[in-house]
Protein backbone atom coordinates (compact mmCIF):
# COMPACT_ATOMS: atom_id res chain seq x y z
CA MET A 1 24.86 -85.69 -51.59
CA ASN A 2 28.22 -85.00 -53.07
CA SER A 3 26.94 -85.34 -56.63
CA THR A 4 24.09 -82.95 -55.89
CA ALA A 5 26.44 -80.38 -54.42
CA GLY A 6 28.73 -80.83 -57.42
CA ASN A 7 25.88 -80.25 -59.84
CA SER A 8 24.81 -77.05 -58.06
CA THR A 9 28.39 -75.80 -58.12
CA ASP A 10 28.72 -76.51 -61.83
CA SER A 11 25.40 -74.74 -62.60
CA SER A 12 26.49 -71.64 -60.69
CA ASP A 13 29.76 -71.62 -62.59
CA GLN A 14 27.88 -71.77 -65.87
CA MET A 15 25.67 -68.73 -65.05
CA PRO A 16 26.60 -66.09 -67.61
CA ASP A 17 27.57 -62.59 -66.55
CA LEU A 18 24.82 -60.01 -67.14
CA SER A 19 27.36 -57.62 -68.66
CA GLN A 20 27.85 -60.16 -71.45
CA ILE A 21 24.11 -60.52 -72.11
CA LEU A 22 22.88 -56.91 -71.93
CA PRO A 23 23.23 -54.70 -75.02
CA PRO A 24 25.62 -51.70 -74.73
CA TYR A 25 22.83 -49.16 -74.21
CA LEU A 26 21.72 -51.03 -71.06
CA ASN A 27 25.16 -52.11 -69.88
CA LEU A 28 26.28 -48.71 -68.69
CA PRO A 29 29.18 -47.83 -66.40
CA PRO A 30 28.16 -46.24 -63.06
CA HIS A 31 29.12 -42.67 -63.95
CA LEU A 32 27.48 -42.83 -67.37
CA SER A 33 24.30 -44.22 -65.81
CA ALA A 34 24.30 -41.38 -63.29
CA HIS A 35 24.88 -38.93 -66.11
CA LYS A 36 21.75 -40.18 -67.93
CA TYR A 37 19.63 -40.01 -64.82
CA PHE A 38 20.84 -36.51 -64.08
CA TYR A 39 20.13 -35.41 -67.65
CA VAL A 40 16.56 -36.65 -67.25
CA CYS A 41 16.31 -34.32 -64.23
CA THR A 42 17.71 -31.53 -66.40
CA LEU A 43 15.07 -32.05 -69.06
CA THR A 44 12.40 -32.15 -66.39
CA VAL A 45 13.51 -28.80 -64.98
CA ALA A 46 13.59 -27.29 -68.47
CA ALA A 47 10.09 -28.55 -69.28
CA TRP A 48 8.70 -27.41 -65.94
CA ASP A 49 10.27 -23.98 -66.34
CA THR A 50 8.81 -23.65 -69.81
CA LEU A 51 5.31 -24.40 -68.60
CA VAL A 52 5.45 -22.36 -65.40
CA LEU A 53 6.69 -19.18 -67.13
CA SER A 54 4.18 -19.34 -69.99
CA PRO A 55 1.58 -16.95 -68.49
CA ARG A 56 4.19 -14.41 -67.46
CA THR A 57 5.90 -14.74 -70.82
CA TRP A 58 2.66 -13.92 -72.58
CA ARG A 59 2.08 -10.86 -70.40
CA LEU A 60 5.57 -9.62 -71.06
CA LEU A 61 5.14 -10.22 -74.77
CA ARG A 62 2.06 -7.98 -74.77
CA THR A 63 4.03 -4.95 -73.56
CA ARG A 64 4.73 -2.47 -76.33
CA GLU A 65 8.40 -1.68 -75.79
CA TRP A 66 11.21 -4.03 -76.87
CA PRO A 67 14.29 -3.16 -74.79
CA PRO A 68 17.33 -5.48 -74.71
CA LEU A 69 16.20 -7.32 -71.58
CA LYS A 70 12.87 -8.26 -73.19
CA ILE A 71 14.61 -9.53 -76.33
CA LEU A 72 17.06 -11.52 -74.25
CA PHE A 73 14.25 -13.02 -72.19
CA HIS A 74 12.42 -14.37 -75.20
CA PHE A 75 15.70 -15.57 -76.72
CA LEU A 76 16.53 -17.58 -73.57
CA ARG A 77 12.89 -18.71 -73.37
CA ILE A 78 13.13 -20.45 -76.77
CA PHE A 79 16.85 -21.24 -77.11
CA MET A 80 17.34 -23.11 -73.82
CA PRO A 81 14.66 -25.83 -74.20
CA VAL A 82 15.41 -26.28 -77.87
CA GLU A 83 19.15 -26.77 -77.26
CA PHE A 84 18.83 -29.39 -74.55
CA THR A 85 16.06 -31.23 -76.32
CA ILE A 86 18.33 -31.73 -79.30
CA VAL A 87 21.22 -32.73 -77.05
CA GLY A 88 18.93 -35.14 -75.25
CA VAL A 89 18.04 -36.87 -78.50
CA ALA A 90 21.70 -37.46 -79.25
CA PHE A 91 22.31 -38.65 -75.69
CA PHE A 92 19.50 -41.15 -75.45
CA ASP A 93 19.00 -42.34 -79.03
CA THR A 94 20.38 -45.91 -79.11
CA LYS A 95 20.73 -45.75 -82.92
CA TRP A 96 23.07 -42.76 -82.76
CA SER A 97 26.30 -43.95 -84.37
CA LEU A 98 29.86 -42.82 -83.61
CA ASP A 99 30.13 -41.20 -87.05
CA GLN A 100 27.08 -39.07 -86.34
CA CYS A 101 28.51 -38.13 -82.96
CA ASN A 102 31.79 -36.99 -84.56
CA ARG A 103 29.83 -34.52 -86.65
CA PHE A 104 27.55 -33.37 -83.85
CA PHE A 105 29.54 -33.30 -80.55
CA LEU A 106 30.47 -29.57 -80.80
CA PHE A 107 26.80 -28.59 -80.87
CA GLU A 108 26.42 -28.58 -77.06
CA PRO A 109 29.57 -26.61 -76.08
CA ILE A 110 28.96 -24.00 -78.80
CA CYS A 111 25.25 -23.53 -78.01
CA THR A 112 25.93 -23.49 -74.26
CA ALA A 113 28.58 -20.80 -74.78
CA ILE A 114 25.93 -18.71 -76.58
CA LEU A 115 23.40 -19.37 -73.85
CA LEU A 116 25.84 -18.34 -71.10
CA ALA A 117 26.85 -15.23 -72.98
CA ALA A 118 23.19 -14.16 -73.20
CA CYS A 119 22.67 -14.82 -69.49
CA SER A 120 25.79 -12.87 -68.56
CA LEU A 121 24.66 -9.95 -70.76
CA VAL A 122 21.44 -9.80 -68.73
CA HIS A 123 23.51 -9.63 -65.53
CA VAL A 124 25.70 -6.87 -66.93
CA ILE A 125 22.69 -4.77 -67.95
CA ARG A 126 20.85 -5.33 -64.67
CA ILE A 127 23.82 -4.70 -62.34
CA HIS A 128 24.69 -1.58 -64.34
CA ALA A 129 21.11 -0.35 -63.88
CA ILE A 130 20.83 -0.93 -60.09
CA TYR A 131 24.10 0.96 -59.58
CA GLU A 132 22.54 3.97 -61.31
CA LYS A 133 24.45 3.57 -64.57
CA SER A 134 27.86 3.58 -62.90
CA ARG A 135 30.62 3.52 -65.49
CA SER A 136 33.05 1.66 -63.25
CA VAL A 137 30.48 -1.10 -62.72
CA LEU A 138 29.79 -1.26 -66.43
CA ALA A 139 33.54 -1.47 -67.18
CA GLY A 140 34.11 -4.24 -64.63
CA MET A 141 31.11 -6.37 -65.60
CA GLY A 142 31.63 -5.70 -69.31
CA GLY A 143 35.25 -6.78 -69.02
CA LEU A 144 34.21 -10.09 -67.38
CA LEU A 145 31.63 -10.65 -70.11
CA ALA A 146 34.19 -10.03 -72.86
CA LEU A 147 36.67 -12.38 -71.13
CA GLN A 148 33.95 -15.04 -70.87
CA ILE A 149 33.04 -14.81 -74.55
CA VAL A 150 36.68 -15.09 -75.63
CA VAL A 151 37.52 -17.98 -73.30
CA THR A 152 34.42 -20.03 -74.13
CA ALA A 153 34.99 -19.52 -77.86
CA ILE A 154 38.57 -20.78 -77.60
CA CYS A 155 37.67 -23.70 -75.36
CA CYS A 156 35.07 -24.98 -77.84
CA GLY A 157 37.99 -26.09 -80.02
CA PHE A 158 39.32 -28.36 -77.28
CA TYR A 159 36.40 -30.75 -76.88
CA ARG A 160 36.26 -34.29 -78.18
CA VAL A 161 33.82 -37.18 -78.39
CA THR A 162 33.62 -39.38 -75.31
CA PRO A 163 34.69 -42.89 -76.49
CA LEU A 164 31.51 -44.77 -75.65
CA LYS A 165 30.10 -47.86 -77.30
CA ASP A 166 27.43 -47.64 -79.99
CA GLY A 167 24.07 -47.00 -78.45
CA GLN A 168 25.42 -45.48 -75.22
CA GLY A 169 24.96 -41.91 -76.35
CA CYS A 170 26.88 -38.97 -77.76
CA ILE A 171 28.67 -36.80 -75.17
CA ALA A 172 31.25 -34.05 -75.67
CA GLU A 173 34.03 -33.89 -73.10
CA PRO A 174 37.17 -31.75 -72.73
CA LYS A 175 40.47 -32.93 -74.05
CA ALA A 176 42.27 -31.67 -70.93
CA ASN A 177 41.42 -30.54 -67.44
CA TRP A 178 42.32 -26.90 -68.15
CA VAL A 179 39.36 -26.63 -70.54
CA GLY A 180 37.35 -26.14 -67.37
CA ILE A 181 38.11 -22.43 -67.66
CA TYR A 182 35.17 -22.52 -70.08
CA TRP A 183 32.90 -22.64 -67.02
CA LEU A 184 35.29 -20.79 -64.72
CA SER A 185 35.01 -17.62 -66.87
CA ALA A 186 31.20 -17.74 -66.58
CA THR A 187 31.38 -18.44 -62.83
CA LEU A 188 33.54 -15.33 -62.32
CA THR A 189 30.87 -13.19 -64.02
CA TYR A 190 28.09 -14.62 -61.88
CA THR A 191 30.22 -14.32 -58.70
CA ALA A 192 30.76 -10.65 -59.39
CA SER A 193 27.07 -10.18 -60.21
CA PHE A 194 26.01 -11.84 -56.96
CA ALA A 195 28.49 -9.87 -54.87
CA LEU A 196 27.46 -6.54 -56.42
CA ALA A 197 23.75 -7.30 -56.01
CA VAL A 198 24.24 -8.15 -52.32
CA HIS A 199 26.33 -5.02 -51.79
CA ARG A 200 23.66 -2.82 -53.43
CA SER A 201 20.91 -4.39 -51.29
CA LEU A 202 22.82 -3.89 -48.04
CA ARG A 203 23.54 -0.33 -49.00
CA SER A 204 19.83 0.32 -49.53
CA LEU A 205 19.19 -0.49 -45.85
CA LYS A 206 20.61 2.91 -45.00
CA VAL A 207 17.72 4.49 -46.84
CA LYS A 208 14.93 2.11 -45.84
CA GLN A 209 15.08 -0.51 -43.13
CA LEU A 210 13.83 -3.94 -44.14
CA SER A 211 14.23 -7.44 -42.82
CA TYR A 212 16.86 -9.57 -44.53
CA TRP A 213 14.27 -12.04 -45.72
CA LYS A 214 12.16 -9.36 -47.39
CA LEU A 215 15.34 -7.72 -48.70
CA MET A 216 16.38 -10.99 -50.35
CA LEU A 217 12.99 -11.45 -52.01
CA ARG A 218 12.63 -7.82 -53.00
CA ASP A 219 15.95 -7.63 -54.76
CA GLY A 220 16.00 -11.23 -56.08
CA LEU A 221 19.16 -12.15 -54.20
CA ASN A 222 17.94 -15.74 -54.05
CA LEU A 223 18.08 -15.83 -57.86
CA TYR A 224 21.62 -14.50 -58.02
CA GLY A 225 22.65 -16.88 -55.26
CA ALA A 226 21.13 -19.89 -56.96
CA ILE A 227 23.04 -19.14 -60.18
CA TRP A 228 26.29 -18.74 -58.24
CA LEU A 229 25.76 -21.91 -56.26
CA VAL A 230 25.02 -24.22 -59.20
CA ASN A 231 28.06 -22.90 -61.09
CA MET A 232 30.29 -23.44 -58.04
CA VAL A 233 29.10 -27.04 -57.76
CA ASN A 234 29.92 -27.44 -61.44
CA MET A 235 33.43 -26.19 -60.69
CA LEU A 236 33.85 -29.00 -58.14
CA PHE A 237 33.10 -31.61 -60.74
CA TRP A 238 35.48 -30.02 -63.24
CA PHE A 239 38.56 -29.46 -61.09
CA ILE A 240 38.28 -31.78 -58.06
CA ILE A 241 36.61 -35.03 -59.15
CA THR A 242 38.98 -37.23 -61.16
CA PRO A 243 37.54 -39.41 -63.95
CA THR A 244 38.41 -43.08 -63.96
CA GLY A 245 39.38 -43.11 -67.63
CA PRO A 246 38.81 -41.39 -71.00
CA GLU A 247 35.37 -42.96 -71.30
CA ASP A 248 34.25 -41.56 -67.91
CA PRO A 249 32.00 -38.48 -68.37
CA VAL A 250 31.93 -37.53 -64.67
CA ARG A 251 33.28 -34.05 -65.27
CA THR A 252 30.37 -33.07 -67.50
CA ILE A 253 27.55 -34.53 -65.36
CA VAL A 254 26.50 -31.15 -63.90
CA THR A 255 27.14 -28.93 -66.94
CA SER A 256 23.70 -29.31 -68.53
CA MET A 257 21.88 -28.70 -65.24
CA ALA A 258 24.08 -25.67 -64.53
CA ALA A 259 23.25 -24.15 -67.91
CA VAL A 260 19.50 -24.81 -67.53
CA LEU A 261 19.29 -23.37 -64.01
CA THR A 262 21.42 -20.37 -64.97
CA ALA A 263 19.06 -19.58 -67.85
CA SER A 264 15.98 -20.22 -65.69
CA MET A 265 17.07 -17.97 -62.85
CA THR A 266 18.26 -15.28 -65.27
CA MET A 267 14.83 -15.17 -66.87
CA ARG A 268 13.31 -14.72 -63.41
CA ILE A 269 15.72 -11.85 -62.74
CA ILE A 270 14.30 -10.14 -65.82
CA LEU A 271 10.73 -10.78 -64.66
CA ALA A 272 11.61 -9.34 -61.27
CA VAL A 273 12.78 -6.01 -62.66
CA ARG A 274 10.94 -3.07 -61.13
CA GLY A 275 9.25 -0.75 -63.58
CA SER A 276 10.07 -0.60 -67.24
CA LEU A 277 12.70 -2.91 -68.74
CA ALA A 278 14.21 0.01 -70.68
CA SER A 279 17.83 0.71 -69.67
CA GLY A 280 17.83 -2.27 -67.36
CA GLY A 281 14.94 -1.15 -65.18
CA SER A 282 15.06 0.79 -61.92
CA TYR A 283 15.98 -0.12 -58.38
CA ALA A 284 13.57 -0.41 -55.48
CA VAL A 285 15.28 2.31 -53.44
CA SER A 286 17.34 5.13 -54.92
CA SER A 287 20.31 6.44 -53.02
CA SER A 288 18.89 9.95 -52.88
CA SER A 289 15.37 9.04 -51.80
CA ALA A 290 13.98 9.21 -48.30
CA PRO A 291 11.95 6.48 -46.68
CA SER A 292 8.36 6.56 -47.87
CA ARG A 293 5.24 5.86 -45.84
CA THR A 294 3.66 3.49 -48.28
CA GLY A 295 6.73 1.27 -48.69
CA ASN A 296 5.51 -0.08 -52.03
CA THR A 297 9.01 -0.33 -53.48
CA THR A 298 8.66 -3.77 -54.90
CA HIS A 299 11.68 -4.78 -56.96
CA VAL A 300 9.46 -6.06 -59.80
CA LEU A 301 8.40 -5.19 -63.29
CA SER A 302 4.76 -4.25 -63.06
CA SER A 303 1.96 -4.04 -65.56
CA ALA A 304 0.01 -2.25 -62.84
CA ARG A 305 0.85 1.02 -61.21
CA ALA A 306 2.13 1.10 -57.65
CA ALA A 307 -0.50 1.78 -55.03
CA PRO A 308 -0.77 5.57 -54.39
CA SER A 309 -0.07 7.20 -51.08
CA GLN A 310 -3.63 8.62 -50.83
CA PRO A 311 -6.89 6.76 -51.39
CA ASN A 312 -8.67 6.96 -54.75
CA PRO A 313 -10.68 8.35 -56.37
CA VAL A 314 -9.92 12.01 -55.50
CA LEU A 315 -12.83 14.48 -55.48
CA SER A 316 -12.00 18.14 -56.03
CA LEU A 317 -14.61 20.85 -55.45
CA GLY A 318 -14.11 24.47 -56.29
CA ARG A 319 -15.74 27.52 -57.81
CA VAL A 320 -15.28 28.08 -61.50
CA GLY A 321 -12.31 30.30 -62.03
CA ALA A 322 -10.80 29.54 -58.62
CA ASP A 323 -7.06 28.82 -58.70
CA GLN A 324 -6.96 26.28 -55.87
CA PRO A 325 -10.06 24.08 -55.63
CA ALA A 326 -10.76 22.24 -52.40
CA THR A 327 -9.78 18.57 -52.58
CA TYR A 328 -11.50 15.79 -50.70
CA ALA A 329 -10.25 12.24 -50.60
CA VAL A 330 -12.96 9.63 -51.14
CA PRO A 331 -11.91 6.40 -49.36
CA LEU A 332 -12.18 3.11 -51.25
CA GLY A 333 -12.83 0.01 -49.16
CA GLY A 334 -9.65 -2.02 -48.70
CA ALA A 335 -7.51 0.13 -50.99
CA GLY A 336 -6.00 2.18 -48.22
CA ASP A 337 -4.95 -0.85 -46.30
CA LYS A 338 -3.19 -2.38 -49.24
CA ALA A 339 -1.38 0.86 -49.92
CA GLY A 340 0.18 0.80 -46.49
CA ALA A 341 1.77 -2.59 -46.72
CA ASP A 342 5.52 -2.76 -46.40
CA TRP A 343 6.05 -4.98 -49.36
CA ASP A 344 3.75 -7.49 -51.08
CA GLY A 345 6.56 -9.67 -52.44
CA LYS A 346 4.77 -10.46 -55.66
CA SER A 347 6.03 -10.00 -59.19
CA SER A 348 3.78 -7.86 -61.32
CA VAL A 349 4.34 -9.87 -64.47
CA GLY A 350 1.72 -12.44 -63.60
CA GLY A 351 2.38 -12.07 -59.92
CA ARG A 352 -0.56 -9.79 -59.00
CA ASP A 353 -3.92 -10.39 -60.59
CA HIS A 354 -6.09 -7.35 -60.99
CA LYS A 355 -9.61 -7.66 -59.61
CA GLU A 356 -12.59 -5.91 -61.02
CA GLY A 357 -12.91 -2.53 -59.35
CA ASP A 358 -9.19 -1.90 -58.78
CA ILE A 359 -8.66 1.85 -59.10
CA PHE A 360 -5.45 3.64 -59.89
CA PRO A 361 -4.62 7.33 -60.26
CA ALA A 362 -5.64 8.95 -63.51
CA ASP A 363 -3.10 10.66 -65.79
CA SER A 364 -5.28 13.75 -66.23
CA PRO A 365 -8.35 15.09 -64.41
CA VAL A 366 -11.81 15.30 -65.90
CA ALA A 367 -13.63 18.52 -65.00
CA ILE A 368 -17.39 18.97 -64.93
CA ASP A 369 -18.83 22.44 -64.41
CA VAL A 370 -22.16 22.60 -62.58
CA PRO A 371 -23.58 26.19 -62.65
CA SER A 372 -25.78 27.42 -59.84
CA VAL A 373 -29.48 28.15 -60.45
CA GLY A 374 -30.10 31.66 -61.88
CA ALA A 375 -26.41 32.50 -62.11
CA ASP A 376 -24.10 33.06 -65.02
CA PRO A 377 -22.24 29.80 -65.64
CA ALA A 378 -19.21 31.78 -66.74
CA SER A 379 -18.79 33.45 -63.35
CA VAL A 380 -20.55 31.33 -60.77
CA GLY A 381 -20.68 27.60 -60.36
CA VAL A 382 -19.15 24.57 -58.77
CA ARG A 383 -16.44 22.56 -60.50
CA VAL A 384 -16.42 18.89 -59.59
CA THR A 385 -13.28 17.02 -60.55
CA VAL A 386 -13.16 13.29 -60.08
CA GLU A 387 -9.88 11.54 -60.84
CA SER A 388 -10.22 7.80 -61.22
CA GLU A 389 -9.01 5.02 -63.45
CA THR A 390 -10.11 1.45 -63.50
CA ASP A 391 -7.87 -1.34 -64.80
CA PHE A 392 -9.51 -4.19 -66.69
CA GLY A 393 -7.09 -7.04 -67.44
CA GLY A 394 -4.04 -4.79 -67.62
CA PHE A 395 -5.63 -2.13 -69.86
CA ALA A 396 -6.42 1.14 -68.20
CA LYS A 397 -9.86 2.66 -68.72
CA LYS A 398 -10.58 6.15 -67.46
CA GLU A 399 -13.92 6.86 -65.83
CA LYS A 400 -15.45 10.28 -65.94
CA ASN A 401 -17.70 11.17 -63.04
């Protein structure tokens, strides 16, 4: 019995430690392992966002004008997935050597600084637009953007390679804790953007009453709030959580996800712009407007026209030469009901699909003169004017009746 127990004790003592058997790319510290799992989530979000926004991206690409917001949207659309795909290769490639990492590690902080600057520029343009081109708002938001660009550019020079073993990945980390102002500068911009967007929405309630839920969806406050929240969580990792050593990348765990979500939500802010993207778009309710009966003040960019206050088509009857012809509204089944909705909550860039038979107001009337029997057409007759326009797949086609 004693010899058997002694043999089992000796065999357990001779069991090698798994950390001595596993290669470095599998023998990961807890924080580094969590970092890799979280980066997989980041790549998943980037891939999902790229696929989901493809139809709306194509519809926006087909529009003729190229204002700054449209250019920035397509830049973010391409730059974000490309950047983090390249960073992911360096992070997960087990053959990536330390020498290669020393030549590459600045790629992520520099590209992320460019990405954040583009996102912040979108916020400056959009907030400036919804405040009716206020110079004070432009000065404040523009100043924060300039501060962000300067701070991030300086902080890029204070990154270093995380001292990991070969095969564990290439990660850039700050040389000191104060380098966190790289993200603090961007968070200040998004905090101001969120606060101004909320203030503008609450102010619009004086013009048109709306529930807070519809107000949030109409003005995209959930998008601004998501950007602010993810950047605040990133701040917690930068300034509160303490790394266990120089090889611990815990401070940069959330940075990639914060950048991806910021770019993703910013692109959705652009897609949620109401009307044309020129000059930052318009706001759902102007400060000088009165409440309208139709309530179709959707805070979205639309390839379709807003539903009119009167049913279509419009039939005008009058004698030739008469100054004011009689006008008769011809009801269209279902169209009047849709026009009276408070708010449909759908984005027009891919958010509302046009059905065959949708009719919108025509830009100019088409007149047809029908002379009476035995009378001079120049003096007597009936003028029938039918104003109608049918939209097929986003392209308007006028119908003459």
